[in-house]
């Protein structure tokens, strides 16, 4: 899954705080971007948005450890927005 963003560093920080360990990548002369591979093998990449590939709306959902947040999240469903305004559902397990 590739998410195009107008806020690359802020998005990396946001999703890293959700527990996704992103690494910086650049292929040849392409743009700097970030990538993470989930335990099931799914790859999520954050790329800078362009006129041809603008940041778009999408709704994502993750199960997270609510105790790792500051302040901690109570168990249950929470909805937050990422730096590009995408809705992200968090299912906090404590």
PDB file of N, CA and C in Angstrom:
ATOM      1  N   UNK A   1       0.851  -1.152   0.000  1.00  0.00           N
ATOM      2  CA  UNK A   1       0.000   0.000   0.000  1.00  0.00           C
ATOM      3  C   UNK A   1       0.906   1.226   0.000  1.00  0.00           C
ATOM      4  N   UNK A   2       0.616   2.148  -0.888  1.00  0.00           N
ATOM      5  CA  UNK A   2       1.360   3.398  -0.956  1.00  0.00           C
ATOM      6  C   UNK A   2       0.425   4.535  -0.566  1.00  0.00           C
ATOM      7  N   UNK A   3       0.844   5.339   0.387  1.00  0.00           N
ATOM      8  CA  UNK A   3       0.123   6.543   0.762  1.00  0.00           C
ATOM      9  C   UNK A   3       0.929   7.741   0.274  1.00  0.00           C
ATOM     10  N   UNK A   4       0.318   8.540  -0.579  1.00  0.00           N
ATOM     11  CA  UNK A   4       0.960   9.769  -1.032  1.00  0.00           C
ATOM     12  C   UNK A   4       0.591  10.864  -0.045  1.00  0.00           C
ATOM     13  N   UNK A   5       1.573  11.671   0.339  1.00  0.00           N
ATOM     14  CA  UNK A   5       1.356  12.641   1.393  1.00  0.00           C
ATOM     15  C   UNK A   5       1.973  13.999   1.073  1.00  0.00           C
ATOM     16  N   UNK A   6       1.287  15.047   1.516  1.00  0.00           N
ATOM     17  CA  UNK A   6       1.834  16.395   1.433  1.00  0.00           C
ATOM     18  C   UNK A   6       2.711  16.702   2.641  1.00  0.00           C
ATOM     19  N   UNK A   7       2.764  15.786   3.587  1.00  0.00           N
ATOM     20  CA  UNK A   7       3.472  15.988   4.851  1.00  0.00           C
ATOM     21  C   UNK A   7       4.305  14.747   5.166  1.00  0.00           C
ATOM     22  N   UNK A   8       5.349  14.516   4.389  1.00  0.00           N
ATOM     23  CA  UNK A   8       6.109  13.270   4.466  1.00  0.00           C
ATOM     24  C   UNK A   8       6.677  13.015   5.860  1.00  0.00           C
ATOM     25  N   UNK A   9       7.425  13.952   6.406  1.00  0.00           N
ATOM     26  CA  UNK A   9       8.052  13.722   7.708  1.00  0.00           C
ATOM     27  C   UNK A   9       7.018  13.609   8.829  1.00  0.00           C
ATOM     28  N   UNK A  10       6.003  14.462   8.790  1.00  0.00           N
ATOM     29  CA  UNK A  10       4.964  14.397   9.808  1.00  0.00           C
ATOM     30  C   UNK A  10       4.206  13.071   9.729  1.00  0.00           C
ATOM     31  N   UNK A  11       3.957  12.587   8.507  1.00  0.00           N
ATOM     32  CA  UNK A  11       3.275  11.301   8.344  1.00  0.00           C
ATOM     33  C   UNK A  11       4.141  10.163   8.857  1.00  0.00           C
ATOM     34  N   UNK A  12       5.439  10.222   8.559  1.00  0.00           N
ATOM     35  CA  UNK A  12       6.348   9.188   9.075  1.00  0.00           C
ATOM     36  C   UNK A  12       6.301   9.178  10.598  1.00  0.00           C
ATOM     37  N   UNK A  13       6.350  10.340  11.218  1.00  0.00           N
ATOM     38  CA  UNK A  13       6.303  10.417  12.676  1.00  0.00           C
ATOM     39  C   UNK A  13       4.967   9.885  13.213  1.00  0.00           C
ATOM     40  N   UNK A  14       3.866  10.258  12.560  1.00  0.00           N
ATOM     41  CA  UNK A  14       2.534   9.817  12.981  1.00  0.00           C
ATOM     42  C   UNK A  14       2.433   8.293  12.948  1.00  0.00           C
ATOM     43  N   UNK A  15       2.782   7.685  11.808  1.00  0.00           N
ATOM     44  CA  UNK A  15       2.644   6.241  11.675  1.00  0.00           C
ATOM     45  C   UNK A  15       3.697   5.485  12.491  1.00  0.00           C
ATOM     46  N   UNK A  16       4.857   6.088  12.700  1.00  0.00           N
ATOM     47  CA  UNK A  16       5.847   5.479  13.581  1.00  0.00           C
ATOM     48  C   UNK A  16       5.299   5.418  15.006  1.00  0.00           C
ATOM     49  N   UNK A  17       4.593   6.472  15.431  1.00  0.00           N
ATOM     50  CA  UNK A  17       3.985   6.480  16.764  1.00  0.00           C
ATOM     51  C   UNK A  17       2.921   5.397  16.913  1.00  0.00           C
ATOM     52  N   UNK A  18       2.370   4.930  15.791  1.00  0.00           N
ATOM     53  CA  UNK A  18       1.403   3.823  15.820  1.00  0.00           C
ATOM     54  C   UNK A  18       2.099   2.465  15.885  1.00  0.00           C
ATOM     55  N   UNK A  19       3.433   2.478  15.841  1.00  0.00           N
ATOM     56  CA  UNK A  19       4.179   1.231  15.938  1.00  0.00           C
ATOM     57  C   UNK A  19       4.719   0.705  14.627  1.00  0.00           C
ATOM     58  N   UNK A  20       4.663   1.512  13.552  1.00  0.00           N
ATOM     59  CA  UNK A  20       5.188   1.075  12.260  1.00  0.00           C
ATOM     60  C   UNK A  20       6.622   1.581  12.101  1.00  0.00           C
ATOM     61  N   UNK A  21       7.599   0.686  12.063  1.00  0.00           N
ATOM     62  CA  UNK A  21       9.008   1.093  11.990  1.00  0.00           C
ATOM     63  C   UNK A  21       9.452   1.393  10.548  1.00  0.00           C
ATOM     64  N   UNK A  22       9.316   2.629  10.131  1.00  0.00           N
ATOM     65  CA  UNK A  22       9.667   3.013   8.767  1.00  0.00           C
ATOM     66  C   UNK A  22      11.173   3.181   8.582  1.00  0.00           C
ATOM     67  N   UNK A  23      11.635   2.840   7.384  1.00  0.00           N
ATOM     68  CA  UNK A  23      13.030   3.081   7.004  1.00  0.00           C
ATOM     69  C   UNK A  23      13.034   4.003   5.788  1.00  0.00           C
ATOM     70  N   UNK A  24      14.039   4.846   5.720  1.00  0.00           N
ATOM     71  CA  UNK A  24      14.189   5.790   4.608  1.00  0.00           C
ATOM     72  C   UNK A  24      14.694   5.025   3.389  1.00  0.00           C
ATOM     73  N   UNK A  25      14.111   5.301   2.218  1.00  0.00           N
ATOM     74  CA  UNK A  25      14.521   4.658   0.970  1.00  0.00           C
ATOM     75  C   UNK A  25      14.563   5.681  -0.146  1.00  0.00           C
ATOM     76  N   UNK A  26      15.360   5.376  -1.154  1.00  0.00           N
ATOM     77  CA  UNK A  26      15.373   6.142  -2.397  1.00  0.00           C
ATOM     78  C   UNK A  26      15.912   5.211  -3.467  1.00  0.00           C
ATOM     79  N   UNK A  27      15.160   5.053  -4.542  1.00  0.00           N
ATOM     80  CA  UNK A  27      15.554   4.150  -5.628  1.00  0.00           C
ATOM     81  C   UNK A  27      16.057   4.986  -6.790  1.00  0.00           C
ATOM     82  N   UNK A  28      17.353   4.908  -7.068  1.00  0.00           N
ATOM     83  CA  UNK A  28      17.932   5.692  -8.157  1.00  0.00           C
ATOM     84  C   UNK A  28      17.719   7.172  -7.927  1.00  0.00           C
ATOM     85  N   UNK A  29      17.180   7.852  -8.924  1.00  0.00           N
ATOM     86  CA  UNK A  29      16.938   9.292  -8.803  1.00  0.00           C
ATOM     87  C   UNK A  29      15.499   9.587  -8.364  1.00  0.00           C
ATOM     88  N   UNK A  30      14.783   8.561  -7.907  1.00  0.00           N
ATOM     89  CA  UNK A  30      13.411   8.744  -7.442  1.00  0.00           C
ATOM     90  C   UNK A  30      13.364   9.510  -6.135  1.00  0.00           C
ATOM     91  N   UNK A  31      12.161   9.791  -5.658  1.00  0.00           N
ATOM     92  CA  UNK A  31      12.018  10.589  -4.443  1.00  0.00           C
ATOM     93  C   UNK A  31      12.382   9.799  -3.182  1.00  0.00           C
ATOM     94  N   UNK A  32      12.853  10.509  -2.185  1.00  0.00           N
ATOM     95  CA  UNK A  32      13.033   9.914  -0.866  1.00  0.00           C
ATOM     96  C   UNK A  32      11.643   9.564  -0.352  1.00  0.00           C
ATOM     97  N   UNK A  33      11.512   8.378   0.208  1.00  0.00           N
ATOM     98  CA  UNK A  33      10.248   7.928   0.768  1.00  0.00           C
ATOM     99  C   UNK A  33      10.542   6.996   1.932  1.00  0.00           C
ATOM    100  N   UNK A  34       9.494   6.499   2.577  1.00  0.00           N
ATOM    101  CA  UNK A  34       9.654   5.613   3.722  1.00  0.00           C
ATOM    102  C   UNK A  34       8.859   4.344   3.509  1.00  0.00           C
ATOM    103  N   UNK A  35       9.383   3.238   4.046  1.00  0.00           N
ATOM    104  CA  UNK A  35       8.760   1.938   3.844  1.00  0.00           C
ATOM    105  C   UNK A  35       8.814   1.128   5.139  1.00  0.00           C
ATOM    106  N   UNK A  36       7.792   0.313   5.340  1.00  0.00           N
ATOM    107  CA  UNK A  36       7.781  -0.642   6.445  1.00  0.00           C
ATOM    108  C   UNK A  36       7.129  -1.922   5.963  1.00  0.00           C
ATOM    109  N   UNK A  37       7.556  -3.032   6.500  1.00  0.00           N
ATOM    110  CA  UNK A  37       6.962  -4.324   6.180  1.00  0.00           C
ATOM    111  C   UNK A  37       6.321  -4.878   7.451  1.00  0.00           C
ATOM    112  N   UNK A  38       5.032  -5.160   7.377  1.00  0.00           N
ATOM    113  CA  UNK A  38       4.301  -5.696   8.522  1.00  0.00           C
ATOM    114  C   UNK A  38       4.619  -7.176   8.702  1.00  0.00           C
ATOM    115  N   UNK A  39       4.258  -7.708   9.847  1.00  0.00           N
ATOM    116  CA  UNK A  39       4.579  -9.104  10.169  1.00  0.00           C
ATOM    117  C   UNK A  39       3.972 -10.101   9.179  1.00  0.00           C
ATOM    118  N   UNK A  40       2.870  -9.719   8.518  1.00  0.00           N
ATOM    119  CA  UNK A  40       2.246 -10.625   7.543  1.00  0.00           C
ATOM    120  C   UNK A  40       2.821 -10.445   6.137  1.00  0.00           C
ATOM    121  N   UNK A  41       3.844  -9.574   6.010  1.00  0.00           N
ATOM    122  CA  UNK A  41       4.484  -9.349   4.720  1.00  0.00           C
ATOM    123  C   UNK A  41       3.954  -8.154   3.948  1.00  0.00           C
ATOM    124  N   UNK A  42       2.874  -7.528   4.424  1.00  0.00           N
ATOM    125  CA  UNK A  42       2.338  -6.357   3.733  1.00  0.00           C
ATOM    126  C   UNK A  42       3.319  -5.201   3.857  1.00  0.00           C
ATOM    127  N   UNK A  43       3.522  -4.495   2.750  1.00  0.00           N
ATOM    128  CA  UNK A  43       4.418  -3.341   2.718  1.00  0.00           C
ATOM    129  C   UNK A  43       3.582  -2.070   2.654  1.00  0.00           C
ATOM    130  N   UNK A  44       3.921  -1.106   3.508  1.00  0.00           N
ATOM    131  CA  UNK A  44       3.296   0.216   3.478  1.00  0.00           C
ATOM    132  C   UNK A  44       4.406   1.216   3.191  1.00  0.00           C
ATOM    133  N   UNK A  45       4.161   2.073   2.197  1.00  0.00           N
ATOM    134  CA  UNK A  45       5.143   3.098   1.847  1.00  0.00           C
ATOM    135  C   UNK A  45       4.499   4.475   1.911  1.00  0.00           C
ATOM    136  N   UNK A  46       5.268   5.437   2.342  1.00  0.00           N
ATOM    137  CA  UNK A  46       4.870   6.843   2.358  1.00  0.00           C
ATOM    138  C   UNK A  46       5.688   7.568   1.311  1.00  0.00           C
ATOM    139  N   UNK A  47       5.018   8.152   0.320  1.00  0.00           N
ATOM    140  CA  UNK A  47       5.677   8.872  -0.765  1.00  0.00           C
ATOM    141  C   UNK A  47       5.223  10.323  -0.762  1.00  0.00           C
ATOM    142  N   UNK A  48       6.097  11.228  -1.172  1.00  0.00           N
ATOM    143  CA  UNK A  48       5.651  12.618  -1.305  1.00  0.00           C
ATOM    144  C   UNK A  48       4.616  12.728  -2.424  1.00  0.00           C
ATOM    145  N   UNK A  49       3.549  13.478  -2.158  1.00  0.00           N
ATOM    146  CA  UNK A  49       2.507  13.691  -3.165  1.00  0.00           C
ATOM    147  C   UNK A  49       3.055  14.561  -4.296  1.00  0.00           C
ATOM    148  N   UNK A  50       2.486  14.381  -5.487  1.00  0.00           N
ATOM    149  CA  UNK A  50       2.836  15.176  -6.663  1.00  0.00           C
ATOM    150  C   UNK A  50       1.539  15.584  -7.348  1.00  0.00           C
ATOM    151  N   UNK A  51       1.640  16.390  -8.377  1.00  0.00           N
ATOM    152  CA  UNK A  51       0.442  16.780  -9.135  1.00  0.00           C
ATOM    153  C   UNK A  51      -0.232  15.541  -9.746  1.00  0.00           C
ATOM    154  N   UNK A  52       0.564  14.558 -10.172  1.00  0.00           N
ATOM    155  CA  UNK A  52       0.002  13.343 -10.764  1.00  0.00           C
ATOM    156  C   UNK A  52      -0.492  12.363  -9.713  1.00  0.00           C
ATOM    157  N   UNK A  53       0.050  12.458  -8.512  1.00  0.00           N
ATOM    158  CA  UNK A  53      -0.325  11.551  -7.429  1.00  0.00           C
ATOM    159  C   UNK A  53      -0.548  12.356  -6.146  1.00  0.00           C
ATOM    160  N   UNK A  54      -1.695  13.041  -6.062  1.00  0.00           N
ATOM    161  CA  UNK A  54      -1.964  13.873  -4.884  1.00  0.00           C
ATOM    162  C   UNK A  54      -2.311  13.027  -3.654  1.00  0.00           C
ATOM    163  N   UNK A  55      -2.180  13.647  -2.498  1.00  0.00           N
ATOM    164  CA  UNK A  55      -2.650  12.993  -1.275  1.00  0.00           C
ATOM    165  C   UNK A  55      -4.163  12.849  -1.418  1.00  0.00           C
ATOM    166  N   UNK A  56      -4.668  11.677  -1.155  1.00  0.00           N
ATOM    167  CA  UNK A  56      -6.100  11.444  -1.342  1.00  0.00           C
ATOM    168  C   UNK A  56      -6.706  10.958  -0.037  1.00  0.00           C
ATOM    169  N   UNK A  57      -8.020  10.931  -0.018  1.00  0.00           N
ATOM    170  CA  UNK A  57      -8.683  10.445   1.181  1.00  0.00           C
ATOM    171  C   UNK A  57      -8.659   8.927   1.193  1.00  0.00           C
ATOM    172  N   UNK A  58      -8.464   8.398   2.349  1.00  0.00           N
ATOM    173  CA  UNK A  58      -8.499   6.962   2.580  1.00  0.00           C
ATOM    174  C   UNK A  58      -8.778   6.778   4.052  1.00  0.00           C
ATOM    175  N   UNK A  59      -9.360   5.653   4.407  1.00  0.00           N
ATOM    176  CA  UNK A  59      -9.573   5.372   5.816  1.00  0.00           C
ATOM    177  C   UNK A  59      -8.798   4.111   6.148  1.00  0.00           C
ATOM    178  N   UNK A  60      -7.924   4.234   7.122  1.00  0.00           N
ATOM    179  CA  UNK A  60      -7.066   3.130   7.530  1.00  0.00           C
ATOM    180  C   UNK A  60      -7.462   2.685   8.922  1.00  0.00           C
ATOM    181  N   UNK A  61      -7.102   1.475   9.276  1.00  0.00           N
ATOM    182  CA  UNK A  61      -7.361   0.985  10.622  1.00  0.00           C
ATOM    183  C   UNK A  61      -6.218   0.115  11.106  1.00  0.00           C
ATOM    184  N   UNK A  62      -5.866   0.277  12.370  1.00  0.00           N
ATOM    185  CA  UNK A  62      -4.779  -0.495  12.976  1.00  0.00           C
ATOM    186  C   UNK A  62      -5.179  -0.918  14.377  1.00  0.00           C
ATOM    187  N   UNK A  63      -4.720  -2.074  14.791  1.00  0.00           N
ATOM    188  CA  UNK A  63      -4.811  -2.471  16.180  1.00  0.00           C
ATOM    189  C   UNK A  63      -3.491  -2.074  16.821  1.00  0.00           C
ATOM    190  N   UNK A  64      -3.564  -1.352  17.937  1.00  0.00           N
ATOM    191  CA  UNK A  64      -2.364  -0.826  18.573  1.00  0.00           C
ATOM    192  C   UNK A  64      -2.375  -1.148  20.068  1.00  0.00           C
ATOM    193  N   UNK A  65      -1.208  -1.061  20.678  1.00  0.00           N
ATOM    194  CA  UNK A  65      -1.079  -1.183  22.122  1.00  0.00           C
ATOM    195  C   UNK A  65      -1.340   0.195  22.707  1.00  0.00           C
ATOM    196  N   UNK A  66      -2.489   0.386  23.306  1.00  0.00           N
ATOM    197  CA  UNK A  66      -2.886   1.680  23.821  1.00  0.00           C
ATOM    198  C   UNK A  66      -1.968   2.233  24.892  1.00  0.00           C
ATOM    199  N   UNK A  67      -1.222   1.362  25.562  1.00  0.00           N
ATOM    200  CA  UNK A  67      -0.338   1.813  26.634  1.00  0.00           C
ATOM    201  C   UNK A  67       0.924   2.478  26.115  1.00  0.00           C
ATOM    202  N   UNK A  68       1.222   2.353  24.824  1.00  0.00           N
ATOM    203  CA  UNK A  68       2.441   2.955  24.277  1.00  0.00           C
ATOM    204  C   UNK A  68       2.238   4.401  23.853  1.00  0.00           C
ATOM    205  N   UNK A  69       0.999   4.908  23.923  1.00  0.00           N
ATOM    206  CA  UNK A  69       0.703   6.277  23.512  1.00  0.00           C
ATOM    207  C   UNK A  69       0.874   7.239  24.678  1.00  0.00           C
ATOM    208  N   UNK A  70       1.112   8.504  24.345  1.00  0.00           N
ATOM    209  CA  UNK A  70       1.193   9.566  25.344  1.00  0.00           C
ATOM    210  C   UNK A  70       0.137  10.601  25.015  1.00  0.00           C
ATOM    211  N   UNK A  71      -0.896  10.732  25.814  1.00  0.00           N
ATOM    212  CA  UNK A  71      -1.240   9.871  26.944  1.00  0.00           C
ATOM    213  C   UNK A  71      -1.755   8.519  26.461  1.00  0.00           C
ATOM    214  N   UNK A  72      -1.755   7.507  27.321  1.00  0.00           N
ATOM    215  CA  UNK A  72      -2.226   6.176  26.919  1.00  0.00           C
ATOM    216  C   UNK A  72      -3.673   6.220  26.433  1.00  0.00           C
ATOM    217  N   UNK A  73      -3.982   5.347  25.492  1.00  0.00           N
ATOM    218  CA  UNK A  73      -5.351   5.223  24.982  1.00  0.00           C
ATOM    219  C   UNK A  73      -6.086   4.151  25.765  1.00  0.00           C
ATOM    220  N   UNK A  74      -7.319   4.430  26.116  1.00  0.00           N
ATOM    221  CA  UNK A  74      -8.157   3.419  26.756  1.00  0.00           C
ATOM    222  C   UNK A  74      -8.476   2.324  25.738  1.00  0.00           C
ATOM    223  N   UNK A  75      -8.783   1.145  26.228  1.00  0.00           N
ATOM    224  CA  UNK A  75      -9.175   0.055  25.329  1.00  0.00           C
ATOM    225  C   UNK A  75     -10.383   0.475  24.513  1.00  0.00           C
ATOM    226  N   UNK A  76     -10.415   0.044  23.260  1.00  0.00           N
ATOM    227  CA  UNK A  76     -11.557   0.325  22.410  1.00  0.00           C
ATOM    228  C   UNK A  76     -11.188   1.075  21.156  1.00  0.00           C
ATOM    229  N   UNK A  77     -12.194   1.601  20.489  1.00  0.00           N
ATOM    230  CA  UNK A  77     -12.051   2.266  19.185  1.00  0.00           C
ATOM    231  C   UNK A  77     -11.814   3.756  19.373  1.00  0.00           C
ATOM    232  N   UNK A  78     -10.850   4.271  18.618  1.00  0.00           N
ATOM    233  CA  UNK A  78     -10.544   5.699  18.583  1.00  0.00           C
ATOM    234  C   UNK A  78     -10.369   6.083  17.127  1.00  0.00           C
ATOM    235  N   UNK A  79     -10.794   7.271  16.748  1.00  0.00           N
ATOM    236  CA  UNK A  79     -10.606   7.753  15.385  1.00  0.00           C
ATOM    237  C   UNK A  79      -9.780   9.032  15.465  1.00  0.00           C
ATOM    238  N   UNK A  80      -8.664   9.036  14.718  1.00  0.00           N
ATOM    239  CA  UNK A  80      -7.776  10.199  14.661  1.00  0.00           C
ATOM    240  C   UNK A  80      -7.545  10.544  13.202  1.00  0.00           C
ATOM    241  N   UNK A  81      -6.937  11.686  12.951  1.00  0.00           N
ATOM    242  CA  UNK A  81      -6.571  12.073  11.593  1.00  0.00           C
ATOM    243  C   UNK A  81      -5.058  12.113  11.483  1.00  0.00           C
ATOM    244  N   UNK A  82      -4.551  11.662  10.323  1.00  0.00           N
ATOM    245  CA  UNK A  82      -3.122  11.766  10.086  1.00  0.00           C
ATOM    246  C   UNK A  82      -2.813  13.170   9.568  1.00  0.00           C
ATOM    247  N   UNK A  83      -1.529  13.496   9.320  1.00  0.00           N
ATOM    248  CA  UNK A  83      -1.185  14.855   8.892  1.00  0.00           C
ATOM    249  C   UNK A  83      -1.840  15.321   7.593  1.00  0.00           C
ATOM    250  N   UNK A  84      -2.333  14.387   6.752  1.00  0.00           N
ATOM    251  CA  UNK A  84      -3.013  14.773   5.519  1.00  0.00           C
ATOM    252  C   UNK A  84      -4.528  14.766   5.672  1.00  0.00           C
ATOM    253  N   UNK A  85      -5.031  14.550   6.889  1.00  0.00           N
ATOM    254  CA  UNK A  85      -6.457  14.572   7.141  1.00  0.00           C
ATOM    255  C   UNK A  85      -7.166  13.256   6.896  1.00  0.00           C
ATOM    256  N   UNK A  86      -6.414  12.184   6.611  1.00  0.00           N
ATOM    257  CA  UNK A  86      -7.034  10.871   6.441  1.00  0.00           C
ATOM    258  C   UNK A  86      -7.509  10.359   7.795  1.00  0.00           C
ATOM    259  N   UNK A  87      -8.688   9.761   7.815  1.00  0.00           N
ATOM    260  CA  UNK A  87      -9.200   9.168   9.041  1.00  0.00           C
ATOM    261  C   UNK A  87      -8.471   7.857   9.298  1.00  0.00           C
ATOM    262  N   UNK A  88      -8.019   7.669  10.538  1.00  0.00           N
ATOM    263  CA  UNK A  88      -7.331   6.450  10.938  1.00  0.00           C
ATOM    264  C   UNK A  88      -8.045   5.915  12.174  1.00  0.00           C
ATOM    265  N   UNK A  89      -8.583   4.705  12.049  1.00  0.00           N
ATOM    266  CA  UNK A  89      -9.241   4.070  13.189  1.00  0.00           C
ATOM    267  C   UNK A  89      -8.201   3.268  13.953  1.00  0.00           C
ATOM    268  N   UNK A  90      -8.156   3.488  15.244  1.00  0.00           N
ATOM    269  CA  UNK A  90      -7.243   2.752  16.108  1.00  0.00           C
ATOM    270  C   UNK A  90      -8.073   1.882  17.040  1.00  0.00           C
ATOM    271  N   UNK A  91      -7.765   0.614  17.098  1.00  0.00           N
ATOM    272  CA  UNK A  91      -8.393  -0.303  18.023  1.00  0.00           C
ATOM    273  C   UNK A  91      -7.356  -0.578  19.093  1.00  0.00           C
ATOM    274  N   UNK A  92      -7.498   0.087  20.224  1.00  0.00           N
ATOM    275  CA  UNK A  92      -6.515  -0.006  21.284  1.00  0.00           C
ATOM    276  C   UNK A  92      -6.781  -1.231  22.141  1.00  0.00           C
ATOM    277  N   UNK A  93      -5.757  -2.038  22.288  1.00  0.00           N
ATOM    278  CA  UNK A  93      -5.792  -3.175  23.201  1.00  0.00           C
ATOM    279  C   UNK A  93      -4.857  -2.824  24.358  1.00  0.00           C
ATOM    280  N   UNK A  94      -5.314  -3.040  25.544  1.00  0.00           N
ATOM    281  CA  UNK A  94      -4.487  -2.678  26.707  1.00  0.00           C
ATOM    282  C   UNK A  94      -4.247  -3.901  27.575  1.00  0.00           C
TER     283      UNK A  94
END
